[in-house]
N, C-alpha and C. Protein backbone atom coordinates (compact mmCIF):
# COMPACT_ATOMS: atom_id res chain seq x y z
N MET A 1 2.29 0.42 -8.01
CA MET A 1 2.42 -0.02 -6.64
C MET A 1 2.71 -1.52 -6.65
N GLU A 2 3.63 -1.91 -5.78
CA GLU A 2 3.94 -3.32 -5.60
C GLU A 2 3.49 -3.74 -4.20
N ILE A 3 2.77 -4.84 -4.12
CA ILE A 3 2.29 -5.36 -2.83
C ILE A 3 2.72 -6.81 -2.72
N ASN A 4 3.35 -7.15 -1.59
CA ASN A 4 3.76 -8.52 -1.31
C ASN A 4 3.13 -8.96 0.01
N VAL A 5 2.49 -10.14 -0.02
CA VAL A 5 1.91 -10.73 1.18
C VAL A 5 2.89 -11.79 1.68
N GLU A 6 3.22 -11.71 2.97
CA GLU A 6 4.22 -12.61 3.55
C GLU A 6 3.71 -13.21 4.85
N ALA A 7 4.25 -14.35 5.20
CA ALA A 7 4.05 -15.00 6.50
C ALA A 7 2.59 -15.18 6.89
N PRO A 8 1.76 -15.75 5.99
CA PRO A 8 0.37 -15.97 6.38
C PRO A 8 0.25 -17.03 7.48
N VAL A 9 -0.66 -16.80 8.41
CA VAL A 9 -0.93 -17.72 9.51
C VAL A 9 -2.44 -17.84 9.68
N VAL A 10 -2.94 -19.06 9.62
CA VAL A 10 -4.37 -19.28 9.88
C VAL A 10 -4.57 -19.30 11.39
N ILE A 11 -5.33 -18.34 11.88
CA ILE A 11 -5.59 -18.23 13.32
C ILE A 11 -6.74 -19.14 13.72
N ALA A 12 -7.78 -19.16 12.88
CA ALA A 12 -8.95 -20.01 13.14
C ALA A 12 -9.62 -20.32 11.81
N GLU A 13 -10.21 -21.50 11.71
CA GLU A 13 -10.96 -21.83 10.50
C GLU A 13 -12.02 -22.87 10.82
N ASN A 14 -13.10 -22.82 10.06
CA ASN A 14 -14.15 -23.83 10.12
C ASN A 14 -14.91 -23.77 8.80
N GLU A 15 -16.00 -24.54 8.69
CA GLU A 15 -16.73 -24.59 7.42
C GLU A 15 -17.34 -23.25 7.02
N ALA A 16 -17.49 -22.34 7.98
CA ALA A 16 -18.11 -21.04 7.69
C ALA A 16 -17.11 -19.96 7.31
N GLY A 17 -15.80 -20.20 7.50
CA GLY A 17 -14.83 -19.17 7.16
C GLY A 17 -13.51 -19.34 7.89
N ALA A 18 -12.75 -18.24 7.92
CA ALA A 18 -11.43 -18.29 8.55
C ALA A 18 -10.97 -16.90 8.97
N VAL A 19 -10.05 -16.89 9.91
CA VAL A 19 -9.34 -15.67 10.30
C VAL A 19 -7.87 -15.91 9.98
N VAL A 20 -7.28 -14.99 9.21
CA VAL A 20 -5.90 -15.15 8.75
C VAL A 20 -5.12 -13.89 9.06
N ALA A 21 -3.90 -14.05 9.59
CA ALA A 21 -2.99 -12.92 9.82
C ALA A 21 -1.85 -13.02 8.82
N TYR A 22 -1.32 -11.87 8.40
CA TYR A 22 -0.21 -11.85 7.46
C TYR A 22 0.49 -10.50 7.53
N GLN A 23 1.66 -10.43 6.93
CA GLN A 23 2.39 -9.17 6.78
C GLN A 23 2.24 -8.71 5.34
N GLU A 24 2.08 -7.43 5.16
CA GLU A 24 1.91 -6.88 3.81
C GLU A 24 2.93 -5.76 3.59
N ARG A 25 3.76 -5.93 2.57
CA ARG A 25 4.73 -4.91 2.20
C ARG A 25 4.22 -4.19 0.96
N GLN A 26 4.23 -2.86 1.02
CA GLN A 26 3.78 -2.04 -0.11
C GLN A 26 4.88 -1.07 -0.50
N GLN A 27 4.99 -0.83 -1.80
CA GLN A 27 5.97 0.15 -2.25
C GLN A 27 5.49 0.81 -3.53
N LEU A 28 5.44 2.13 -3.49
CA LEU A 28 5.17 2.94 -4.67
C LEU A 28 6.50 3.26 -5.34
N PRO A 29 6.53 3.40 -6.66
CA PRO A 29 7.78 3.76 -7.33
C PRO A 29 8.39 5.02 -6.72
N GLY A 30 9.68 4.94 -6.40
CA GLY A 30 10.39 6.09 -5.84
C GLY A 30 10.09 6.39 -4.39
N GLN A 31 9.31 5.54 -3.72
CA GLN A 31 8.95 5.75 -2.32
C GLN A 31 9.54 4.63 -1.46
N PRO A 32 9.73 4.91 -0.17
CA PRO A 32 10.21 3.83 0.71
C PRO A 32 9.12 2.77 0.91
N GLU A 33 9.55 1.57 1.16
CA GLU A 33 8.65 0.46 1.43
C GLU A 33 7.95 0.65 2.77
N THR A 34 6.68 0.23 2.86
CA THR A 34 5.97 0.23 4.14
C THR A 34 5.59 -1.20 4.48
N LEU A 35 5.50 -1.48 5.77
CA LEU A 35 5.11 -2.80 6.27
C LEU A 35 3.88 -2.65 7.13
N ARG A 36 2.93 -3.55 6.93
CA ARG A 36 1.71 -3.56 7.73
C ARG A 36 1.48 -4.98 8.24
N TYR A 37 0.97 -5.06 9.45
CA TYR A 37 0.52 -6.33 10.01
C TYR A 37 -0.99 -6.35 9.85
N SER A 38 -1.50 -7.38 9.19
CA SER A 38 -2.91 -7.43 8.83
C SER A 38 -3.57 -8.69 9.34
N THR A 39 -4.86 -8.55 9.64
CA THR A 39 -5.70 -9.68 10.00
C THR A 39 -6.99 -9.55 9.21
N VAL A 40 -7.41 -10.64 8.58
CA VAL A 40 -8.61 -10.62 7.75
C VAL A 40 -9.57 -11.72 8.21
N VAL A 41 -10.87 -11.41 8.12
CA VAL A 41 -11.91 -12.39 8.42
C VAL A 41 -12.60 -12.74 7.10
N PHE A 42 -12.54 -14.01 6.72
CA PHE A 42 -13.23 -14.51 5.53
C PHE A 42 -14.47 -15.28 5.96
N GLU A 43 -15.52 -15.18 5.15
CA GLU A 43 -16.74 -15.94 5.39
C GLU A 43 -17.13 -16.64 4.10
N VAL A 44 -17.61 -17.87 4.21
CA VAL A 44 -18.10 -18.61 3.05
C VAL A 44 -19.63 -18.51 3.06
N ASP A 45 -20.21 -17.95 1.98
CA ASP A 45 -21.67 -17.81 1.94
C ASP A 45 -22.34 -19.12 1.53
N THR A 46 -23.65 -19.13 1.47
CA THR A 46 -24.40 -20.37 1.20
C THR A 46 -24.14 -20.91 -0.21
N ASP A 47 -23.63 -20.08 -1.12
CA ASP A 47 -23.29 -20.53 -2.47
C ASP A 47 -21.84 -20.99 -2.58
N GLY A 48 -21.10 -20.95 -1.45
CA GLY A 48 -19.70 -21.36 -1.46
C GLY A 48 -18.73 -20.26 -1.85
N LYS A 49 -19.25 -19.05 -2.03
CA LYS A 49 -18.40 -17.91 -2.38
C LYS A 49 -17.69 -17.39 -1.13
N VAL A 50 -16.38 -17.14 -1.25
CA VAL A 50 -15.60 -16.61 -0.12
C VAL A 50 -15.75 -15.09 -0.12
N LEU A 51 -16.19 -14.56 1.02
CA LEU A 51 -16.40 -13.12 1.19
C LEU A 51 -15.36 -12.55 2.15
N TRP A 52 -14.87 -11.37 1.83
CA TRP A 52 -13.90 -10.66 2.66
C TRP A 52 -14.73 -9.80 3.61
N ARG A 53 -14.88 -10.23 4.86
CA ARG A 53 -15.79 -9.56 5.79
C ARG A 53 -15.16 -8.42 6.59
N HIS A 54 -13.90 -8.55 6.93
CA HIS A 54 -13.27 -7.52 7.77
C HIS A 54 -11.77 -7.56 7.57
N LEU A 55 -11.15 -6.39 7.57
CA LEU A 55 -9.70 -6.29 7.48
C LEU A 55 -9.23 -5.29 8.52
N HIS A 56 -8.21 -5.67 9.27
CA HIS A 56 -7.56 -4.74 10.20
C HIS A 56 -6.08 -4.69 9.85
N GLU A 57 -5.56 -3.47 9.68
CA GLU A 57 -4.14 -3.29 9.37
C GLU A 57 -3.51 -2.37 10.42
N THR A 58 -2.31 -2.73 10.82
CA THR A 58 -1.52 -1.90 11.73
C THR A 58 -0.18 -1.62 11.06
N ALA A 59 0.11 -0.34 10.87
CA ALA A 59 1.38 0.03 10.23
C ALA A 59 2.53 -0.23 11.20
N ALA A 60 3.60 -0.82 10.67
CA ALA A 60 4.80 -1.04 11.46
C ALA A 60 5.60 0.26 11.50
N ALA A 61 6.26 0.53 12.61
CA ALA A 61 7.07 1.73 12.74
C ALA A 61 8.20 1.71 11.72
N ASN A 62 8.36 2.79 10.97
CA ASN A 62 9.44 2.95 10.00
C ASN A 62 9.47 1.85 8.94
N GLY A 63 8.32 1.22 8.67
CA GLY A 63 8.26 0.21 7.63
C GLY A 63 8.89 -1.12 7.97
N HIS A 64 9.31 -1.32 9.25
CA HIS A 64 9.95 -2.59 9.64
C HIS A 64 9.28 -3.16 10.86
């Protein structure tokens, strides 16, 4: 599987984390490419570790 992340946009950020939107293209060998619009919520814990708290993906019609 090949995955490409494109067009990242920081929607909000502060010392506790960030919300980022991006497009994700996925393709399995011999299969058509799919496109998803994604939004992720990152949180920074007390040790400074970045945690992936939430992911929302919406499939684009016909992969575009």
